[in-house]
Each structure stands twice: as structure tokens, then as C-alpha cells.
Amino acid sequence: MLVPNIAQFDVTPFSSDDMAAARARLAGIAVRTPLIRFPSTTGPEIYLKLENLQPIGSFKLRGAANAMAVAGGEALSHGVYTASAGNMAQGVAWCARELGIPCSVVVPDAAPKAKTDAIERLGGRVMKVSFDEWWKTLVDRGHPSMEGFFVHPFADPAVMAGNATIAAEIFEDVSDVDAIIVPYGGGGLACGIASGAHEMSPDTRVYAVEAETAAPLAASFKSGEPTSVTRTPTFIDGMGSAAIFAEMWPFVRSLVSGTIVVSVNEIAAAVRTLAERCRIITEGAGAAAFAAAQSGSLDAKKIVCIVSGGNIDSAVLSNILRGETP
């Protein structure tokens, strides 16, 4: 189901200079990930941007590294922390380890073990809290029990500029892109890529994808204002909440052309298809854009899907490969 974005504000996107500066900061840290074509003889041309191949298994390394580089050494002198379901935490922990500074992470208590284990392997200290307390940390931009520099996982211009470098790589690899589909969590990835696309290829439309169990952006586009929904937790932990983050609404409303809502079953099927046909391992959010592309919601000839991450619990993946929906 496609929900178009009708009204738009004028939010200035990142310039080519902004993206070039971010790419320079990320040199030697983030990988220039491949863009491959999905092997299909029918329907639109579907390309997969494999951010699951970043060193931490997620695009989040780009935003974390750029934000910390922009902050500088003095701001980071007492360490760093973030609030994350897992992937941004790994990005921040990876960069903190490289810089030799302490890292802590506030995670929701339902965060997958695969992700919390990875955070700890990278030297990060994990503090589990309720989902509501985790969300409050995002809203408050900090937690009273933590010290150091707080890296917001999405509502930060430096984080979004780091994400915008994905768009720069896409348009270097393929031309005449009709649409880019991006999983929607907090909005930092969708708005970063949409901003980069606006600068480099104004005719390319950027769509967010949400699971039907947590689709506040679709509800907000319908109502014309931030709208809360009932969120049902699923194995798709890397995206979806009960509400749109207020600070992100002007950006997403200006930059994103609409949202595509897919089912949990469709996302599980997309995880399975990418594993079986392409040998690509993705988490739920990482396969969501591909699920949206295959849904037939878009009238587009050439679509790029952002495979945002591959950090999925082995037991969950095993269930999906057996044909089940966890």
C-alpha cells in the first residue's frame, strides 16, 4: 500500500559540498558498498544497495562516524553514548574503539541479543531500559545516568549528512533512477538519502517503507500532521515506532515522496528471497525496501532498495528460511 505525501515544506537539502566533506571524513572508516541488480526478468529493474556489508553490518557506521568527527576531540574527551536498538550503537562503539574512548549505550529491553552481543564485543557498555524510557532518551537527547557526548541516532544534521553519502554512491553507479526505497525508523536514513537525491538527481523520488505493525509515517501523511499509532513489536526491530519524532517531521514531509506499508509476512518473505536467490543476509528492516519494491506499489522502471543492515538473530533467520514468520 502506497501512501503519498501530499503537502511539502521547503527544507534546504544538503549541498554537494556537505556530502563531499562527509565522504572525506568517512574515508577509511565506512565501506563504499556495492550496488547490485536483483536477478529478475519481469517487473522493474531492482537494485540493492548493500549497506549490510559495512564493518558493523549496517549503514549506521556512516552517521556515527561523521557525527563524531564533526564533534571533535574535546567534545569526545569524556566518552560517548547513544540510544539505539542495536545498529547505531555498534556504529558509535566501533568509532569509540578506534578513538580509544569509552562508549555506553541505552537500548530497549527487547533489543536482539545478536545486536547487544555485538555492542559488547566492540567494547560498549549496554544499559537495557523499557521502550518508553529508551524513547524518552531520544526526546531528551540524553539520559541522566550517562556521561559523555550523546550521539543522536537520527535527528542530527551530521548523522543525516553521513547517510546522504549513500545517495552519492548510488548515482555514481547507476543513472536514471526513478525511485529509492528506504526503511523508516527515526527518519535519519530516509531524509539523508532524500536530501542527497534532491541535490544530485531531482527527478528521483524517495519513498519510506514501514511495516503495517508500526506505521506512524503513513498515518501522519494521511492526516497532514504527526500522528501516533499502536505499535506491535515484531522481529523487525530496526525500524518502526508508535510516533513520528517531532524534530524530523519538517524534514520528512519536505523530502520524502510517500510511504509504502508492507506486512510482516512480506518482509519475512523478502529476507528469505534475498538469502536463497542472492546469498544476501538481511535483518527485517534490511529487507523491507525489497519487500516494498516487489509489492508493485510503485509505477517505476528502475528502483534502488536500501538494504540497511544484516544483523539478524540466527534463530530468527533459521525460522524464516524454514518458511515461517517469527
Protein backbone atom coordinates (compact mmCIF):
# COMPACT_ATOMS: atom_id res chain seq x y z
CA MET A 1 0.00 0.00 0.00
CA LEU A 2 1.42 3.37 -1.07
CA VAL A 3 0.57 6.46 0.96
CA PRO A 4 1.66 9.59 -0.96
CA ASN A 5 2.98 12.69 0.72
CA ILE A 6 0.66 15.46 -0.49
CA ALA A 7 1.86 18.64 1.20
CA GLN A 8 5.53 19.57 1.47
CA PHE A 9 7.55 22.23 3.23
CA ASP A 10 10.73 23.80 1.89
CA VAL A 11 13.63 22.32 3.83
CA THR A 12 17.06 23.01 2.38
CA PRO A 13 18.81 19.74 1.49
CA PHE A 14 22.49 19.01 1.98
CA SER A 15 24.72 20.51 -0.70
CA SER A 16 27.25 18.65 -2.80
CA ASP A 17 29.95 20.26 -0.65
CA ASP A 18 28.32 18.90 2.53
CA MET A 19 28.28 15.38 1.09
CA ALA A 20 31.86 15.67 -0.17
CA ALA A 21 33.01 16.78 3.28
CA ALA A 22 31.18 13.86 4.91
CA ARG A 23 32.70 11.39 2.43
CA ALA A 24 36.16 12.72 3.24
CA ARG A 25 35.57 12.20 6.97
CA LEU A 26 34.35 8.64 6.34
CA ALA A 27 37.34 7.63 4.23
CA GLY A 28 38.96 4.57 5.76
CA ILE A 29 36.02 4.02 8.13
CA ALA A 30 32.88 3.29 6.12
CA VAL A 31 32.99 0.97 3.13
CA ARG A 32 31.82 2.08 -0.32
CA THR A 33 29.19 -0.64 -0.56
CA PRO A 34 28.26 -2.40 -3.82
CA LEU A 35 25.07 -1.76 -5.77
CA ILE A 36 23.87 -4.96 -7.45
CA ARG A 37 20.91 -5.76 -9.66
CA PHE A 38 18.38 -8.29 -8.42
CA PRO A 39 18.16 -11.20 -10.89
CA SER A 40 14.65 -10.90 -12.31
CA THR A 41 13.33 -10.96 -15.88
CA THR A 42 9.96 -9.36 -15.11
CA GLY A 43 8.83 -6.12 -13.50
CA PRO A 44 11.04 -3.12 -12.77
CA GLU A 45 14.82 -3.19 -12.58
CA ILE A 46 15.56 -3.57 -8.87
CA TYR A 47 18.97 -2.67 -7.49
CA LEU A 48 20.17 -3.48 -3.98
CA LYS A 49 22.46 -1.08 -2.08
CA LEU A 50 24.23 -3.46 0.29
CA GLU A 51 24.78 -1.49 3.48
CA ASN A 52 24.66 -4.82 5.33
CA LEU A 53 28.29 -5.17 4.17
CA GLN A 54 29.54 -2.31 6.33
CA PRO A 55 32.04 -3.46 9.00
CA ILE A 56 29.27 -3.38 11.63
CA GLY A 57 26.67 -4.89 9.29
CA SER A 58 24.68 -1.65 8.99
CA PHE A 59 24.62 1.80 7.37
CA LYS A 60 24.71 3.36 10.84
CA LEU A 61 28.51 3.49 10.75
CA ARG A 62 28.29 6.40 8.30
CA GLY A 63 26.23 8.69 10.52
CA ALA A 64 28.04 7.75 13.72
CA ALA A 65 31.49 8.36 12.25
CA ASN A 66 30.52 11.67 10.66
CA ALA A 67 28.80 12.98 13.80
CA MET A 68 31.76 12.09 16.00
CA ALA A 69 34.25 13.60 13.55
CA VAL A 70 32.24 16.83 13.41
CA ALA A 71 32.04 16.94 17.23
CA GLY A 72 35.82 16.78 17.57
CA GLY A 73 38.23 15.55 20.21
CA GLU A 74 37.38 17.97 23.01
CA ALA A 75 33.66 17.12 22.92
CA LEU A 76 34.51 13.42 22.98
CA SER A 77 37.09 13.62 25.75
CA HIS A 78 34.73 12.17 28.38
CA GLY A 79 33.48 9.37 26.16
CA VAL A 80 30.41 8.91 24.03
CA TYR A 81 26.99 7.28 24.25
CA THR A 82 23.83 6.81 22.23
CA ALA A 83 20.32 5.38 22.46
CA SER A 84 19.87 2.59 19.96
CA ALA A 85 18.13 -0.71 19.30
CA GLY A 86 21.50 -2.01 18.19
CA ASN A 87 22.88 -0.79 14.90
CA MET A 88 23.67 2.85 15.75
CA ALA A 89 25.11 1.55 19.00
CA GLN A 90 27.51 -0.62 17.03
CA GLY A 91 28.48 2.33 14.85
CA VAL A 92 29.23 4.53 17.85
CA ALA A 93 31.04 1.70 19.66
CA TRP A 94 33.15 0.94 16.58
CA CYS A 95 34.26 4.57 16.28
CA ALA A 96 34.82 4.89 20.03
CA ARG A 97 37.08 1.82 19.98
CA GLU A 98 39.09 3.32 17.12
CA LEU A 99 39.46 6.57 19.08
CA GLY A 100 40.24 4.82 22.36
CA ILE A 101 37.37 6.41 24.29
CA PRO A 102 34.66 4.77 26.44
CA CYS A 103 31.24 4.07 24.98
CA SER A 104 27.87 3.33 26.60
CA VAL A 105 24.54 2.53 25.00
CA VAL A 106 20.94 2.85 26.16
CA VAL A 107 18.97 0.03 24.48
CA PRO A 108 15.29 -1.00 24.70
CA ASP A 109 14.82 -4.19 26.68
CA ALA A 110 13.62 -6.08 23.59
CA ALA A 111 16.81 -5.39 21.61
CA PRO A 112 18.02 -8.57 19.84
CA LYS A 113 20.81 -10.49 21.53
CA ALA A 114 22.79 -10.55 18.27
CA LYS A 115 23.00 -6.77 18.43
CA THR A 116 23.69 -6.36 22.15
CA ASP A 117 26.40 -9.04 21.95
CA ALA A 118 27.98 -7.14 19.06
CA ILE A 119 27.94 -3.90 21.04
CA GLU A 120 29.76 -5.57 23.91
CA ARG A 121 32.29 -7.21 21.57
CA LEU A 122 33.14 -3.71 20.37
CA GLY A 123 33.72 -2.57 23.96
CA GLY A 124 30.41 -0.79 24.52
CA ARG A 125 28.60 -0.93 27.87
CA VAL A 126 24.93 -1.85 27.44
CA MET A 127 22.17 -0.47 29.68
CA LYS A 128 18.74 -2.01 29.00
CA VAL A 129 15.65 0.07 29.76
CA SER A 130 11.96 -0.06 28.86
CA PHE A 131 10.95 1.06 25.37
CA ASP A 132 9.31 4.17 26.85
CA GLU A 133 12.47 5.15 28.76
CA TRP A 134 14.55 4.50 25.65
CA TRP A 135 12.26 6.75 23.60
CA LYS A 136 12.46 9.45 26.30
CA THR A 137 16.25 9.35 25.97
CA LEU A 138 15.84 10.19 22.29
CA VAL A 139 13.42 13.02 23.03
CA ASP A 140 15.54 14.44 25.85
CA ARG A 141 18.77 13.92 23.87
CA GLY A 142 20.40 12.25 26.82
CA HIS A 143 19.97 10.08 29.90
CA PRO A 144 20.62 11.26 33.47
CA SER A 145 22.76 8.23 34.33
CA MET A 146 25.12 8.68 31.38
CA GLU A 147 28.06 11.00 30.83
CA GLY A 148 29.96 11.98 27.71
CA PHE A 149 28.92 13.18 24.25
CA PHE A 150 25.47 11.99 23.15
CA VAL A 151 25.16 10.90 19.52
CA HIS A 152 21.52 11.06 18.46
CA PRO A 153 20.85 8.09 16.17
CA PHE A 154 18.90 10.08 13.56
CA ALA A 155 17.85 13.64 14.48
CA ASP A 156 21.26 15.20 13.89
CA PRO A 157 22.39 17.05 10.73
CA ALA A 158 25.84 15.40 10.88
CA VAL A 159 24.26 11.94 11.12
CA MET A 160 21.98 12.69 8.17
CA ALA A 161 24.88 14.08 6.15
CA GLY A 162 26.75 10.85 6.73
CA ASN A 163 23.71 8.93 5.48
CA ALA A 164 23.49 11.21 2.44
CA THR A 165 26.78 9.77 1.19
CA ILE A 166 24.80 6.64 0.26
CA ALA A 167 22.91 8.68 -2.34
CA ALA A 168 26.17 10.00 -3.79
CA GLU A 169 27.42 6.43 -4.28
CA ILE A 170 24.14 5.29 -5.85
CA PHE A 171 24.16 7.96 -8.56
CA GLU A 172 27.80 7.26 -9.35
CA ASP A 173 26.89 3.63 -10.05
CA VAL A 174 23.54 3.85 -11.86
CA SER A 175 21.69 6.59 -13.74
CA ASP A 176 18.03 7.34 -14.42
CA VAL A 177 16.84 6.04 -11.05
CA ASP A 178 13.09 6.51 -10.77
CA ALA A 179 12.77 5.69 -7.09
CA ILE A 180 14.79 4.86 -3.99
CA ILE A 181 13.05 2.93 -1.21
CA VAL A 182 14.39 3.35 2.33
CA PRO A 183 13.32 1.64 5.58
CA TYR A 184 11.86 4.18 8.00
CA GLY A 185 12.86 4.10 11.64
CA GLY A 186 13.63 7.52 13.05
CA GLY A 187 13.94 9.16 9.64
CA GLY A 188 17.65 9.92 9.56
CA LEU A 189 18.37 7.46 6.73
CA ALA A 190 15.34 8.39 4.62
CA CYS A 191 15.91 12.14 5.00
CA GLY A 192 19.66 11.89 4.45
CA ILE A 193 19.27 9.89 1.24
CA ALA A 194 16.35 12.03 0.04
CA SER A 195 18.37 15.17 0.63
CA GLY A 196 21.29 13.76 -1.34
CA ALA A 197 18.97 12.65 -4.14
CA HIS A 198 17.33 16.08 -4.27
CA GLU A 199 20.75 17.62 -4.84
CA MET A 200 22.09 15.09 -7.34
CA SER A 201 19.01 13.77 -9.16
CA PRO A 202 15.92 15.95 -8.52
CA ASP A 203 13.62 13.70 -10.59
CA THR A 204 14.34 10.66 -8.40
CA ARG A 205 11.63 10.05 -5.81
CA VAL A 206 12.48 8.70 -2.37
CA TYR A 207 9.94 6.58 -0.53
CA ALA A 208 9.96 5.31 3.03
CA VAL A 209 8.80 1.78 3.84
CA GLU A 210 7.07 0.80 7.07
CA ALA A 211 5.71 -2.44 8.45
CA GLU A 212 1.95 -2.46 8.98
CA THR A 213 2.54 -3.21 12.68
CA ALA A 214 4.29 0.17 13.19
CA ALA A 215 3.46 2.74 10.51
CA PRO A 216 3.18 6.22 12.06
CA LEU A 217 4.57 7.93 8.95
CA ALA A 218 1.74 6.60 6.78
CA ALA A 219 -0.78 7.83 9.35
CA SER A 220 0.96 11.20 9.54
CA PHE A 221 0.97 11.66 5.76
CA LYS A 222 -2.77 10.88 5.71
CA SER A 223 -3.59 13.36 8.46
CA GLY A 224 -1.08 16.03 7.47
CA GLU A 225 0.45 16.17 10.94
CA PRO A 226 2.43 13.87 13.26
CA THR A 227 0.09 11.06 14.26
CA SER A 228 0.63 8.27 16.76
CA VAL A 229 -0.35 4.65 16.14
CA THR A 230 -0.44 1.42 18.09
CA ARG A 231 2.90 -0.35 17.71
CA THR A 232 3.05 -4.14 17.77
CA PRO A 233 6.60 -5.47 18.36
CA THR A 234 7.83 -8.00 15.78
CA PHE A 235 11.15 -9.47 14.64
CA ILE A 236 11.55 -6.28 12.56
CA ASP A 237 13.41 -4.40 15.30
CA GLY A 238 15.44 -1.95 13.20
CA MET A 239 12.51 0.22 12.16
CA GLY A 240 9.06 1.26 13.28
CA SER A 241 7.77 3.07 16.35
CA ALA A 242 4.48 4.40 17.66
CA ALA A 243 5.08 8.01 16.64
CA ILE A 244 7.00 10.32 14.33
CA PHE A 245 9.85 12.11 16.05
CA ALA A 246 8.69 15.74 16.13
CA GLU A 247 12.04 17.23 15.07
CA MET A 248 12.10 15.05 11.97
CA TRP A 249 8.60 15.85 10.69
CA PRO A 250 9.51 19.01 8.69
CA PHE A 251 12.39 17.16 7.02
CA VAL A 252 10.50 14.00 6.14
CA ARG A 253 7.44 15.92 4.97
CA SER A 254 9.60 18.05 2.70
CA LEU A 255 11.90 15.39 1.31
CA VAL A 256 10.07 12.05 1.21
CA SER A 257 7.54 11.41 -1.58
CA GLY A 258 5.44 8.92 0.35
CA THR A 259 5.49 5.73 2.34
CA ILE A 260 4.84 2.12 1.35
CA VAL A 261 3.30 -0.11 4.02
CA VAL A 262 4.07 -3.83 3.84
CA SER A 263 3.13 -6.77 6.02
CA VAL A 264 5.35 -8.71 8.37
CA ASN A 265 4.84 -11.76 6.16
CA GLU A 266 6.05 -9.81 3.11
CA ILE A 267 9.19 -8.74 4.94
CA ALA A 268 9.91 -12.29 6.13
CA ALA A 269 9.47 -13.49 2.54
CA ALA A 270 11.89 -10.79 1.36
CA VAL A 271 14.51 -11.91 3.90
CA ARG A 272 14.10 -15.46 2.61
CA THR A 273 14.26 -14.50 -1.07
CA LEU A 274 17.42 -12.42 -0.64
CA ALA A 275 19.09 -15.27 1.24
CA GLU A 276 18.08 -18.02 -1.16
CA ARG A 277 18.45 -16.22 -4.50
CA CYS A 278 21.23 -13.71 -3.81
CA ARG A 279 23.01 -15.16 -0.74
CA ILE A 280 22.40 -11.82 0.99
CA ILE A 281 21.70 -11.99 4.74
CA THR A 282 19.49 -9.17 5.99
CA GLU A 283 17.60 -8.27 9.11
CA GLY A 284 13.91 -7.40 8.86
CA ALA A 285 14.45 -3.69 8.27
CA GLY A 286 17.17 -4.50 5.77
CA ALA A 287 14.75 -6.50 3.61
CA ALA A 288 11.80 -4.12 3.95
CA ALA A 289 12.67 -1.94 0.94
CA PHE A 290 12.97 -5.02 -1.27
CA ALA A 291 9.59 -6.22 0.01
CA ALA A 292 8.12 -2.84 -0.95
CA ALA A 293 9.68 -2.95 -4.41
CA GLN A 294 8.19 -6.38 -5.03
CA SER A 295 4.74 -5.31 -3.82
CA GLY A 296 4.03 -3.49 -7.09
CA SER A 297 3.05 -0.28 -5.29
CA LEU A 298 5.31 1.94 -7.38
CA ASP A 299 4.95 2.86 -11.05
CA ALA A 300 8.69 2.89 -11.67
CA LYS A 301 11.08 1.24 -14.12
CA LYS A 302 14.28 1.47 -12.08
CA ILE A 303 14.21 1.14 -8.29
CA VAL A 304 17.05 1.15 -5.76
CA CYS A 305 16.37 -0.61 -2.45
CA ILE A 306 18.46 0.25 0.58
CA VAL A 307 19.49 -2.98 2.32
CA SER A 308 20.13 -1.14 5.55
CA GLY A 309 21.53 -3.94 7.72
CA GLY A 310 22.15 -7.63 8.20
CA ASN A 311 22.24 -8.04 11.98
CA ILE A 312 19.61 -10.72 12.49
CA ASP A 313 19.49 -13.35 15.24
CA SER A 314 20.44 -16.78 13.90
CA ALA A 315 17.32 -18.39 15.38
CA VAL A 316 15.07 -15.82 13.69
CA LEU A 317 16.81 -16.30 10.36
CA SER A 318 16.54 -20.08 10.71
CA ASN A 319 12.78 -19.81 11.25
CA ILE A 320 12.37 -17.58 8.21
CA LEU A 321 14.39 -19.91 6.00
CA ARG A 322 12.06 -22.74 7.05
CA GLY A 323 9.17 -20.73 5.65
CA GLU A 324 7.91 -19.34 8.94
CA THR A 325 7.25 -15.78 10.07
CA PRO A 326 8.78 -15.28 13.55
